[in-house]
Amino acid sequence: MGDASGSGCGPSSWKSVETNVEAVYGSWKAEVTNRSSSNFRETANLVMRLKQMIEKGSFEWGYEAFVFTDNSTTEKTTYRGSLKSKLVHNMVLDLRKMEMIGYIIVRYM
């Protein structure tokens, strides 16, 4: 679950076998805030968090990741798999690669 409104960003995650919620928060660089759409920031926020978790070894092979977002464009784009924005499209490709390799199965809520 995460949000990337304005200059702030902050994904959080919880694994069903744990009791703690892990939250990451920060600010986008001014260049990203000023030149990128909220759709890009929201998608990047979620995809980057999933990548971090995979690199850290937080997922076992084939884990299901339930993604919650309040950005309908992000949800529709990642579900559908494409958008005219090249930056968002590339983020979605990264997500699909993670799924194809078998690290995660992404479910959108």
PDB file of N, CA and C in Angstrom:
ATOM      1  N   MET A   1       0.860  -1.150   0.000  1.00  0.00           N
ATOM      2  CA  MET A   1       0.000   0.000   0.000  1.00  0.00           C
ATOM      3  C   MET A   1       0.909   1.216   0.000  1.00  0.00           C
ATOM      4  N   GLY A   2       0.512   2.251  -0.717  1.00  0.00           N
ATOM      5  CA  GLY A   2       1.355   3.427  -0.740  1.00  0.00           C
ATOM      6  C   GLY A   2       0.642   4.618  -1.327  1.00  0.00           C
ATOM      7  N   ASP A   3       1.324   5.738  -1.227  1.00  0.00           N
ATOM      8  CA  ASP A   3       0.803   6.967  -1.800  1.00  0.00           C
ATOM      9  C   ASP A   3       1.982   7.807  -2.259  1.00  0.00           C
ATOM     10  N   ALA A   4       1.762   8.576  -3.302  1.00  0.00           N
ATOM     11  CA  ALA A   4       2.824   9.417  -3.840  1.00  0.00           C
ATOM     12  C   ALA A   4       2.236  10.746  -4.287  1.00  0.00           C
ATOM     13  N   SER A   5       1.488  11.380  -3.422  1.00  0.00           N
ATOM     14  CA  SER A   5       0.872  12.649  -3.791  1.00  0.00           C
ATOM     15  C   SER A   5       1.828  13.806  -3.507  1.00  0.00           C
ATOM     16  N   GLY A   6       1.750  14.821  -4.338  1.00  0.00           N
ATOM     17  CA  GLY A   6       2.623  15.982  -4.151  1.00  0.00           C
ATOM     18  C   GLY A   6       4.078  15.583  -4.238  1.00  0.00           C
ATOM     19  N   SER A   7       4.878  16.105  -3.327  1.00  0.00           N
ATOM     20  CA  SER A   7       6.308  15.803  -3.346  1.00  0.00           C
ATOM     21  C   SER A   7       6.658  14.604  -2.475  1.00  0.00           C
ATOM     22  N   GLY A   8       5.703  14.087  -1.729  1.00  0.00           N
ATOM     23  CA  GLY A   8       5.974  12.976  -0.825  1.00  0.00           C
ATOM     24  C   GLY A   8       5.697  11.630  -1.452  1.00  0.00           C
ATOM     25  N   CYS A   9       6.329  10.614  -0.895  1.00  0.00           N
ATOM     26  CA  CYS A   9       6.053   9.246  -1.314  1.00  0.00           C
ATOM     27  C   CYS A   9       6.230   8.340  -0.108  1.00  0.00           C
ATOM     28  N   GLY A  10       5.524   7.259  -0.121  1.00  0.00           N
ATOM     29  CA  GLY A  10       5.641   6.366   1.014  1.00  0.00           C
ATOM     30  C   GLY A  10       4.892   5.069   0.846  1.00  0.00           C
ATOM     31  N   PRO A  11       5.584   4.026   0.418  1.00  0.00           N
ATOM     32  CA  PRO A  11       4.952   2.715   0.381  1.00  0.00           C
ATOM     33  C   PRO A  11       5.112   2.011   1.731  1.00  0.00           C
ATOM     34  N   SER A  12       4.175   1.165   2.046  1.00  0.00           N
ATOM     35  CA  SER A  12       4.283   0.340   3.243  1.00  0.00           C
ATOM     36  C   SER A  12       3.954  -1.090   2.864  1.00  0.00           C
ATOM     37  N   SER A  13       4.437  -2.024   3.668  1.00  0.00           N
ATOM     38  CA  SER A  13       4.194  -3.428   3.351  1.00  0.00           C
ATOM     39  C   SER A  13       4.001  -4.214   4.635  1.00  0.00           C
ATOM     40  N   TRP A  14       3.256  -5.288   4.503  1.00  0.00           N
ATOM     41  CA  TRP A  14       2.992  -6.184   5.617  1.00  0.00           C
ATOM     42  C   TRP A  14       2.920  -7.597   5.081  1.00  0.00           C
ATOM     43  N   LYS A  15       3.621  -8.493   5.717  1.00  0.00           N
ATOM     44  CA  LYS A  15       3.574  -9.901   5.338  1.00  0.00           C
ATOM     45  C   LYS A  15       2.667 -10.615   6.334  1.00  0.00           C
ATOM     46  N   SER A  16       1.805 -11.459   5.827  1.00  0.00           N
ATOM     47  CA  SER A  16       0.799 -12.102   6.672  1.00  0.00           C
ATOM     48  C   SER A  16       1.399 -12.945   7.796  1.00  0.00           C
ATOM     49  N   VAL A  17       2.646 -13.337   7.672  1.00  0.00           N
ATOM     50  CA  VAL A  17       3.284 -14.146   8.713  1.00  0.00           C
ATOM     51  C   VAL A  17       3.998 -13.290   9.755  1.00  0.00           C
ATOM     52  N   GLU A  18       3.917 -11.981   9.617  1.00  0.00           N
ATOM     53  CA  GLU A  18       4.586 -11.073  10.548  1.00  0.00           C
ATOM     54  C   GLU A  18       3.567 -10.163  11.221  1.00  0.00           C
ATOM     55  N   THR A  19       3.988  -9.547  12.314  1.00  0.00           N
ATOM     56  CA  THR A  19       3.088  -8.632  13.015  1.00  0.00           C
ATOM     57  C   THR A  19       3.387  -7.176  12.712  1.00  0.00           C
ATOM     58  N   ASN A  20       4.554  -6.879  12.202  1.00  0.00           N
ATOM     59  CA  ASN A  20       4.952  -5.493  11.949  1.00  0.00           C
ATOM     60  C   ASN A  20       4.652  -5.045  10.530  1.00  0.00           C
ATOM     61  N   VAL A  21       4.331  -3.771  10.402  1.00  0.00           N
ATOM     62  CA  VAL A  21       4.187  -3.125   9.105  1.00  0.00           C
ATOM     63  C   VAL A  21       5.481  -2.370   8.838  1.00  0.00           C
ATOM     64  N   GLU A  22       6.051  -2.572   7.664  1.00  0.00           N
ATOM     65  CA  GLU A  22       7.275  -1.855   7.299  1.00  0.00           C
ATOM     66  C   GLU A  22       6.896  -0.691   6.399  1.00  0.00           C
ATOM     67  N   ALA A  23       7.248   0.507   6.818  1.00  0.00           N
ATOM     68  CA  ALA A  23       6.918   1.707   6.044  1.00  0.00           C
ATOM     69  C   ALA A  23       8.185   2.421   5.623  1.00  0.00           C
ATOM     70  N   VAL A  24       8.181   2.888   4.394  1.00  0.00           N
ATOM     71  CA  VAL A  24       9.277   3.673   3.843  1.00  0.00           C
ATOM     72  C   VAL A  24       8.667   5.002   3.418  1.00  0.00           C
ATOM     73  N   TYR A  25       9.311   6.080   3.729  1.00  0.00           N
ATOM     74  CA  TYR A  25       8.747   7.375   3.353  1.00  0.00           C
ATOM     75  C   TYR A  25       9.855   8.336   2.969  1.00  0.00           C
ATOM     76  N   GLY A  26       9.488   9.330   2.188  1.00  0.00           N
ATOM     77  CA  GLY A  26      10.465  10.311   1.752  1.00  0.00           C
ATOM     78  C   GLY A  26       9.828  11.316   0.818  1.00  0.00           C
ATOM     79  N   SER A  27      10.676  12.006   0.111  1.00  0.00           N
ATOM     80  CA  SER A  27      10.217  13.019  -0.844  1.00  0.00           C
ATOM     81  C   SER A  27      10.858  12.756  -2.193  1.00  0.00           C
ATOM     82  N   TRP A  28      10.094  13.058  -3.226  1.00  0.00           N
ATOM     83  CA  TRP A  28      10.652  12.995  -4.566  1.00  0.00           C
ATOM     84  C   TRP A  28      11.580  14.182  -4.754  1.00  0.00           C
ATOM     85  N   LYS A  29      12.563  14.023  -5.610  1.00  0.00           N
ATOM     86  CA  LYS A  29      13.384  15.164  -5.994  1.00  0.00           C
ATOM     87  C   LYS A  29      12.478  16.172  -6.675  1.00  0.00           C
ATOM     88  N   ALA A  30      12.822  17.450  -6.574  1.00  0.00           N
ATOM     89  CA  ALA A  30      11.990  18.510  -7.165  1.00  0.00           C
ATOM     90  C   ALA A  30      11.767  18.267  -8.652  1.00  0.00           C
ATOM     91  N   GLU A  31      12.775  17.765  -9.342  1.00  0.00           N
ATOM     92  CA  GLU A  31      12.650  17.501 -10.780  1.00  0.00           C
ATOM     93  C   GLU A  31      11.551  16.471 -11.056  1.00  0.00           C
ATOM     94  N   VAL A  32      11.484  15.426 -10.237  1.00  0.00           N
ATOM     95  CA  VAL A  32      10.459  14.396 -10.418  1.00  0.00           C
ATOM     96  C   VAL A  32       9.083  14.983 -10.095  1.00  0.00           C
ATOM     97  N   THR A  33       8.991  15.724  -8.998  1.00  0.00           N
ATOM     98  CA  THR A  33       7.715  16.320  -8.602  1.00  0.00           C
ATOM     99  C   THR A  33       7.203  17.275  -9.664  1.00  0.00           C
ATOM    100  N   ASN A  34       8.089  18.093 -10.204  1.00  0.00           N
ATOM    101  CA  ASN A  34       7.674  19.127 -11.149  1.00  0.00           C
ATOM    102  C   ASN A  34       7.476  18.622 -12.580  1.00  0.00           C
ATOM    103  N   ARG A  35       8.193  17.573 -12.957  1.00  0.00           N
ATOM    104  CA  ARG A  35       8.154  17.150 -14.361  1.00  0.00           C
ATOM    105  C   ARG A  35       7.436  15.829 -14.612  1.00  0.00           C
ATOM    106  N   SER A  36       7.097  15.110 -13.568  1.00  0.00           N
ATOM    107  CA  SER A  36       6.453  13.805 -13.747  1.00  0.00           C
ATOM    108  C   SER A  36       5.016  13.861 -13.267  1.00  0.00           C
ATOM    109  N   SER A  37       4.181  13.084 -13.916  1.00  0.00           N
ATOM    110  CA  SER A  37       2.771  13.053 -13.541  1.00  0.00           C
ATOM    111  C   SER A  37       2.577  12.309 -12.225  1.00  0.00           C
ATOM    112  N   SER A  38       1.455  12.571 -11.600  1.00  0.00           N
ATOM    113  CA  SER A  38       1.131  11.840 -10.368  1.00  0.00           C
ATOM    114  C   SER A  38       0.951  10.359 -10.679  1.00  0.00           C
ATOM    115  N   ASN A  39       0.514  10.051 -11.897  1.00  0.00           N
ATOM    116  CA  ASN A  39       0.375   8.653 -12.292  1.00  0.00           C
ATOM    117  C   ASN A  39       1.737   7.959 -12.310  1.00  0.00           C
ATOM    118  N   PHE A  40       2.751   8.638 -12.819  1.00  0.00           N
ATOM    119  CA  PHE A  40       4.105   8.069 -12.806  1.00  0.00           C
ATOM    120  C   PHE A  40       4.584   7.888 -11.372  1.00  0.00           C
ATOM    121  N   ARG A  41       4.441   8.925 -10.547  1.00  0.00           N
ATOM    122  CA  ARG A  41       4.938   8.846  -9.166  1.00  0.00           C
ATOM    123  C   ARG A  41       4.251   7.724  -8.392  1.00  0.00           C
ATOM    124  N   GLU A  42       2.959   7.590  -8.577  1.00  0.00           N
ATOM    125  CA  GLU A  42       2.211   6.543  -7.871  1.00  0.00           C
ATOM    126  C   GLU A  42       2.652   5.152  -8.336  1.00  0.00           C
ATOM    127  N   THR A  43       2.787   4.963  -9.632  1.00  0.00           N
ATOM    128  CA  THR A  43       3.225   3.672 -10.169  1.00  0.00           C
ATOM    129  C   THR A  43       4.654   3.369  -9.739  1.00  0.00           C
ATOM    130  N   ALA A  44       5.537   4.347  -9.854  1.00  0.00           N
ATOM    131  CA  ALA A  44       6.935   4.161  -9.470  1.00  0.00           C
ATOM    132  C   ALA A  44       7.052   3.816  -7.996  1.00  0.00           C
ATOM    133  N   ASN A  45       6.264   4.471  -7.177  1.00  0.00           N
ATOM    134  CA  ASN A  45       6.264   4.229  -5.739  1.00  0.00           C
ATOM    135  C   ASN A  45       6.012   2.745  -5.442  1.00  0.00           C
ATOM    136  N   LEU A  46       5.012   2.172  -6.079  1.00  0.00           N
ATOM    137  CA  LEU A  46       4.658   0.773  -5.832  1.00  0.00           C
ATOM    138  C   LEU A  46       5.655  -0.197  -6.458  1.00  0.00           C
ATOM    139  N   VAL A  47       6.049   0.057  -7.705  1.00  0.00           N
ATOM    140  CA  VAL A  47       6.961  -0.855  -8.396  1.00  0.00           C
ATOM    141  C   VAL A  47       8.339  -0.853  -7.735  1.00  0.00           C
ATOM    142  N   MET A  48       8.833   0.327  -7.359  1.00  0.00           N
ATOM    143  CA  MET A  48      10.140   0.395  -6.702  1.00  0.00           C
ATOM    144  C   MET A  48      10.125  -0.350  -5.363  1.00  0.00           C
ATOM    145  N   ARG A  49       9.019  -0.258  -4.642  1.00  0.00           N
ATOM    146  CA  ARG A  49       8.923  -0.966  -3.359  1.00  0.00           C
ATOM    147  C   ARG A  49       8.955  -2.477  -3.573  1.00  0.00           C
ATOM    148  N   LEU A  50       8.225  -2.972  -4.553  1.00  0.00           N
ATOM    149  CA  LEU A  50       8.247  -4.406  -4.831  1.00  0.00           C
ATOM    150  C   LEU A  50       9.646  -4.864  -5.239  1.00  0.00           C
ATOM    151  N   LYS A  51      10.335  -4.059  -6.060  1.00  0.00           N
ATOM    152  CA  LYS A  51      11.712  -4.390  -6.456  1.00  0.00           C
ATOM    153  C   LYS A  51      12.621  -4.467  -5.240  1.00  0.00           C
ATOM    154  N   GLN A  52      12.497  -3.472  -4.339  1.00  0.00           N
ATOM    155  CA  GLN A  52      13.319  -3.461  -3.127  1.00  0.00           C
ATOM    156  C   GLN A  52      13.081  -4.717  -2.296  1.00  0.00           C
ATOM    157  N   MET A  53      11.833  -5.095  -2.176  1.00  0.00           N
ATOM    158  CA  MET A  53      11.503  -6.269  -1.374  1.00  0.00           C
ATOM    159  C   MET A  53      12.065  -7.545  -2.000  1.00  0.00           C
ATOM    160  N   ILE A  54      12.032  -7.635  -3.315  1.00  0.00           N
ATOM    161  CA  ILE A  54      12.595  -8.805  -3.996  1.00  0.00           C
ATOM    162  C   ILE A  54      14.105  -8.841  -3.802  1.00  0.00           C
ATOM    163  N   GLU A  55      14.759  -7.700  -3.990  1.00  0.00           N
ATOM    164  CA  GLU A  55      16.220  -7.640  -3.834  1.00  0.00           C
ATOM    165  C   GLU A  55      16.645  -7.960  -2.405  1.00  0.00           C
ATOM    166  N   LYS A  56      15.825  -7.580  -1.444  1.00  0.00           N
ATOM    167  CA  LYS A  56      16.118  -7.807  -0.029  1.00  0.00           C
ATOM    168  C   LYS A  56      15.823  -9.248   0.389  1.00  0.00           C
ATOM    169  N   GLY A  57      15.127  -9.987  -0.471  1.00  0.00           N
ATOM    170  CA  GLY A  57      14.780 -11.364  -0.144  1.00  0.00           C
ATOM    171  C   GLY A  57      13.520 -11.491   0.698  1.00  0.00           C
ATOM    172  N   SER A  58      12.680 -10.475   0.668  1.00  0.00           N
ATOM    173  CA  SER A  58      11.453 -10.490   1.462  1.00  0.00           C
ATOM    174  C   SER A  58      10.391 -11.429   0.896  1.00  0.00           C
ATOM    175  N   PHE A  59      10.501 -11.748  -0.391  1.00  0.00           N
ATOM    176  CA  PHE A  59       9.527 -12.631  -1.028  1.00  0.00           C
ATOM    177  C   PHE A  59      10.148 -13.991  -1.249  1.00  0.00           C
ATOM    178  N   GLU A  60       9.374 -15.013  -1.022  1.00  0.00           N
ATOM    179  CA  GLU A  60       9.767 -16.336  -1.463  1.00  0.00           C
ATOM    180  C   GLU A  60       9.184 -16.514  -2.855  1.00  0.00           C
ATOM    181  N   TRP A  61       9.689 -17.467  -3.572  1.00  0.00           N
ATOM    182  CA  TRP A  61       9.265 -17.699  -4.947  1.00  0.00           C
ATOM    183  C   TRP A  61       7.742 -17.850  -5.016  1.00  0.00           C
ATOM    184  N   GLY A  62       7.112 -17.027  -5.857  1.00  0.00           N
ATOM    185  CA  GLY A  62       5.681 -17.154  -6.089  1.00  0.00           C
ATOM    186  C   GLY A  62       4.778 -16.506  -5.059  1.00  0.00           C
ATOM    187  N   TYR A  63       5.308 -15.625  -4.218  1.00  0.00           N
ATOM    188  CA  TYR A  63       4.460 -14.916  -3.243  1.00  0.00           C
ATOM    189  C   TYR A  63       3.392 -14.111  -3.960  1.00  0.00           C
ATOM    190  N   GLU A  64       2.257 -13.987  -3.323  1.00  0.00           N
ATOM    191  CA  GLU A  64       1.199 -13.126  -3.840  1.00  0.00           C
ATOM    192  C   GLU A  64       1.332 -11.769  -3.188  1.00  0.00           C
ATOM    193  N   ALA A  65       1.345 -10.725  -3.996  1.00  0.00           N
ATOM    194  CA  ALA A  65       1.438  -9.357  -3.480  1.00  0.00           C
ATOM    195  C   ALA A  65       0.118  -8.653  -3.778  1.00  0.00           C
ATOM    196  N   PHE A  66      -0.567  -8.230  -2.735  1.00  0.00           N
ATOM    197  CA  PHE A  66      -1.806  -7.483  -2.890  1.00  0.00           C
ATOM    198  C   PHE A  66      -1.462  -6.006  -2.854  1.00  0.00           C
ATOM    199  N   VAL A  67      -1.743  -5.318  -3.940  1.00  0.00           N
ATOM    200  CA  VAL A  67      -1.369  -3.910  -4.085  1.00  0.00           C
ATOM    201  C   VAL A  67      -2.617  -3.048  -3.932  1.00  0.00           C
ATOM    202  N   PHE A  68      -2.529  -2.077  -3.040  1.00  0.00           N
ATOM    203  CA  PHE A  68      -3.628  -1.154  -2.807  1.00  0.00           C
ATOM    204  C   PHE A  68      -3.185   0.242  -3.232  1.00  0.00           C
ATOM    205  N   THR A  69      -3.968   0.887  -4.063  1.00  0.00           N
ATOM    206  CA  THR A  69      -3.665   2.237  -4.497  1.00  0.00           C
ATOM    207  C   THR A  69      -4.963   3.022  -4.641  1.00  0.00           C
ATOM    208  N   ASP A  70      -4.869   4.313  -4.402  1.00  0.00           N
ATOM    209  CA  ASP A  70      -6.042   5.176  -4.588  1.00  0.00           C
ATOM    210  C   ASP A  70      -5.998   5.874  -5.946  1.00  0.00           C
ATOM    211  N   ASN A  71      -5.044   5.487  -6.775  1.00  0.00           N
ATOM    212  CA  ASN A  71      -4.887   6.091  -8.088  1.00  0.00           C
ATOM    213  C   ASN A  71      -5.466   5.135  -9.131  1.00  0.00           C
ATOM    214  N   SER A  72      -6.635   5.466  -9.649  1.00  0.00           N
ATOM    215  CA  SER A  72      -7.316   4.559 -10.578  1.00  0.00           C
ATOM    216  C   SER A  72      -6.533   4.362 -11.876  1.00  0.00           C
ATOM    217  N   THR A  73      -5.812   5.392 -12.321  1.00  0.00           N
ATOM    218  CA  THR A  73      -5.010   5.250 -13.543  1.00  0.00           C
ATOM    219  C   THR A  73      -3.894   4.247 -13.323  1.00  0.00           C
ATOM    220  N   THR A  74      -3.228   4.324 -12.192  1.00  0.00           N
ATOM    221  CA  THR A  74      -2.170   3.365 -11.882  1.00  0.00           C
ATOM    222  C   THR A  74      -2.732   1.954 -11.834  1.00  0.00           C
ATOM    223  N   GLU A  75      -3.855   1.795 -11.170  1.00  0.00           N
ATOM    224  CA  GLU A  75      -4.463   0.475 -11.054  1.00  0.00           C
ATOM    225  C   GLU A  75      -4.851  -0.071 -12.425  1.00  0.00           C
ATOM    226  N   LYS A  76      -5.495   0.733 -13.238  1.00  0.00           N
ATOM    227  CA  LYS A  76      -5.929   0.288 -14.563  1.00  0.00           C
ATOM    228  C   LYS A  76      -4.740   0.026 -15.484  1.00  0.00           C
ATOM    229  N   THR A  77      -3.735   0.894 -15.416  1.00  0.00           N
ATOM    230  CA  THR A  77      -2.559   0.755 -16.276  1.00  0.00           C
ATOM    231  C   THR A  77      -1.776  -0.499 -15.945  1.00  0.00           C
ATOM    232  N   THR A  78      -1.518  -0.724 -14.676  1.00  0.00           N
ATOM    233  CA  THR A  78      -0.743  -1.902 -14.307  1.00  0.00           C
ATOM    234  C   THR A  78      -1.528  -3.174 -14.564  1.00  0.00           C
ATOM    235  N   TYR A  79      -2.836  -3.125 -14.428  1.00  0.00           N
ATOM    236  CA  TYR A  79      -3.677  -4.282 -14.709  1.00  0.00           C
ATOM    237  C   TYR A  79      -3.751  -4.545 -16.216  1.00  0.00           C
ATOM    238  N   ARG A  80      -3.964  -3.468 -16.980  1.00  0.00           N
ATOM    239  CA  ARG A  80      -4.085  -3.593 -18.436  1.00  0.00           C
ATOM    240  C   ARG A  80      -2.716  -3.840 -19.082  1.00  0.00           C
ATOM    241  N   GLY A  81      -1.687  -3.158 -18.577  1.00  0.00           N
ATOM    242  CA  GLY A  81      -0.340  -3.413 -19.064  1.00  0.00           C
ATOM    243  C   GLY A  81       0.251  -2.377 -19.988  1.00  0.00           C
ATOM    244  N   SER A  82      -0.430  -1.236 -20.208  1.00  0.00           N
ATOM    245  CA  SER A  82       0.126  -0.259 -21.129  1.00  0.00           C
ATOM    246  C   SER A  82      -0.445   1.125 -20.858  1.00  0.00           C
ATOM    247  N   LEU A  83       0.293   2.106 -21.278  1.00  0.00           N
ATOM    248  CA  LEU A  83      -0.134   3.497 -21.202  1.00  0.00           C
ATOM    249  C   LEU A  83       0.693   4.274 -22.204  1.00  0.00           C
ATOM    250  N   LYS A  84       0.171   5.384 -22.675  1.00  0.00           N
ATOM    251  CA  LYS A  84       0.906   6.193 -23.658  1.00  0.00           C
ATOM    252  C   LYS A  84       2.192   6.763 -23.069  1.00  0.00           C
ATOM    253  N   SER A  85       2.199   7.057 -21.789  1.00  0.00           N
ATOM    254  CA  SER A  85       3.395   7.584 -21.138  1.00  0.00           C
ATOM    255  C   SER A  85       4.486   6.514 -21.139  1.00  0.00           C
ATOM    256  N   LYS A  86       5.601   6.824 -21.776  1.00  0.00           N
ATOM    257  CA  LYS A  86       6.701   5.857 -21.865  1.00  0.00           C
ATOM    258  C   LYS A  86       7.269   5.524 -20.484  1.00  0.00           C
ATOM    259  N   LEU A  87       7.356   6.528 -19.604  1.00  0.00           N
ATOM    260  CA  LEU A  87       7.895   6.287 -18.265  1.00  0.00           C
ATOM    261  C   LEU A  87       7.024   5.309 -17.481  1.00  0.00           C
ATOM    262  N   VAL A  88       5.708   5.529 -17.521  1.00  0.00           N
ATOM    263  CA  VAL A  88       4.799   4.623 -16.804  1.00  0.00           C
ATOM    264  C   VAL A  88       4.793   3.251 -17.472  1.00  0.00           C
ATOM    265  N   HIS A  89       4.808   3.229 -18.776  1.00  0.00           N
ATOM    266  CA  HIS A  89       4.826   1.966 -19.512  1.00  0.00           C
ATOM    267  C   HIS A  89       6.045   1.134 -19.107  1.00  0.00           C
ATOM    268  N   ASN A  90       7.211   1.762 -19.002  1.00  0.00           N
ATOM    269  CA  ASN A  90       8.429   1.046 -18.612  1.00  0.00           C
ATOM    270  C   ASN A  90       8.334   0.508 -17.186  1.00  0.00           C
ATOM    271  N   MET A  91       7.680   1.258 -16.297  1.00  0.00           N
ATOM    272  CA  MET A  91       7.465   0.779 -14.932  1.00  0.00           C
ATOM    273  C   MET A  91       6.599  -0.480 -14.947  1.00  0.00           C
ATOM    274  N   VAL A  92       5.568  -0.460 -15.765  1.00  0.00           N
ATOM    275  CA  VAL A  92       4.675  -1.616 -15.866  1.00  0.00           C
ATOM    276  C   VAL A  92       5.430  -2.812 -16.447  1.00  0.00           C
ATOM    277  N   LEU A  93       6.319  -2.559 -17.409  1.00  0.00           N
ATOM    278  CA  LEU A  93       7.142  -3.651 -17.953  1.00  0.00           C
ATOM    279  C   LEU A  93       8.010  -4.275 -16.868  1.00  0.00           C
ATOM    280  N   ASP A  94       8.593  -3.434 -16.014  1.00  0.00           N
ATOM    281  CA  ASP A  94       9.391  -3.956 -14.902  1.00  0.00           C
ATOM    282  C   ASP A  94       8.548  -4.851 -13.998  1.00  0.00           C
ATOM    283  N   LEU A  95       7.335  -4.415 -13.730  1.00  0.00           N
ATOM    284  CA  LEU A  95       6.427  -5.197 -12.899  1.00  0.00           C
ATOM    285  C   LEU A  95       6.110  -6.540 -13.553  1.00  0.00           C
ATOM    286  N   ARG A  96       5.827  -6.515 -14.836  1.00  0.00           N
ATOM    287  CA  ARG A  96       5.516  -7.751 -15.565  1.00  0.00           C
ATOM    288  C   ARG A  96       6.715  -8.704 -15.580  1.00  0.00           C
ATOM    289  N   LYS A  97       7.923  -8.148 -15.694  1.00  0.00           N
ATOM    290  CA  LYS A  97       9.124  -8.995 -15.663  1.00  0.00           C
ATOM    291  C   LYS A  97       9.232  -9.713 -14.323  1.00  0.00           C
ATOM    292  N   MET A  98       8.946  -8.991 -13.233  1.00  0.00           N
ATOM    293  CA  MET A  98       8.990  -9.611 -11.905  1.00  0.00           C
ATOM    294  C   MET A  98       7.985 -10.761 -11.819  1.00  0.00           C
ATOM    295  N   GLU A  99       6.825 -10.565 -12.431  1.00  0.00           N
ATOM    296  CA  GLU A  99       5.802 -11.615 -12.430  1.00  0.00           C
ATOM    297  C   GLU A  99       6.216 -12.788 -13.306  1.00  0.00           C
ATOM    298  N   MET A 100       6.759 -12.498 -14.486  1.00  0.00           N
ATOM    299  CA  MET A 100       7.137 -13.559 -15.418  1.00  0.00           C
ATOM    300  C   MET A 100       8.263 -14.431 -14.870  1.00  0.00           C
ATOM    301  N   ILE A 101       9.200 -13.823 -14.189  1.00  0.00           N
ATOM    302  CA  ILE A 101      10.301 -14.583 -13.602  1.00  0.00           C
ATOM    303  C   ILE A 101       9.768 -15.503 -12.509  1.00  0.00           C
ATOM    304  N   GLY A 102       8.649 -15.101 -11.922  1.00  0.00           N
ATOM    305  CA  GLY A 102       8.021 -15.950 -10.911  1.00  0.00           C
ATOM    306  C   GLY A 102       8.205 -15.483  -9.489  1.00  0.00           C
ATOM    307  N   TYR A 103       8.783 -14.296  -9.318  1.00  0.00           N
ATOM    308  CA  TYR A 103       8.975 -13.800  -7.963  1.00  0.00           C
ATOM    309  C   TYR A 103       7.650 -13.552  -7.254  1.00  0.00           C
ATOM    310  N   ILE A 104       6.726 -12.929  -7.955  1.00  0.00           N
ATOM    311  CA  ILE A 104       5.477 -12.526  -7.316  1.00  0.00           C
ATOM    312  C   ILE A 104       4.291 -12.698  -8.260  1.00  0.00           C
ATOM    313  N   ILE A 105       3.149 -12.761  -7.670  1.00  0.00           N
ATOM    314  CA  ILE A 105       1.876 -12.695  -8.383  1.00  0.00           C
ATOM    315  C   ILE A 105       1.209 -11.441  -7.830  1.00  0.00           C
ATOM    316  N   VAL A 106       0.932 -10.490  -8.695  1.00  0.00           N
ATOM    317  CA  VAL A 106       0.391  -9.208  -8.243  1.00  0.00           C
ATOM    318  C   VAL A 106      -1.123  -9.198  -8.372  1.00  0.00           C
ATOM    319  N   ARG A 107      -1.782  -8.820  -7.308  1.00  0.00           N
ATOM    320  CA  ARG A 107      -3.235  -8.660  -7.269  1.00  0.00           C
ATOM    321  C   ARG A 107      -3.537  -7.216  -6.886  1.00  0.00           C
ATOM    322  N   TYR A 108      -4.429  -6.593  -7.609  1.00  0.00           N
ATOM    323  CA  TYR A 108      -4.776  -5.192  -7.334  1.00  0.00           C
ATOM    324  C   TYR A 108      -6.106  -5.120  -6.626  1.00  0.00           C
ATOM    325  N   MET A 109      -6.143  -4.309  -5.620  1.00  0.00           N
ATOM    326  CA  MET A 109      -7.363  -4.122  -4.827  1.00  0.00           C
ATOM    327  C   MET A 109      -7.839  -2.703  -4.950  1.00  0.00           C
TER     328      MET A 109
END
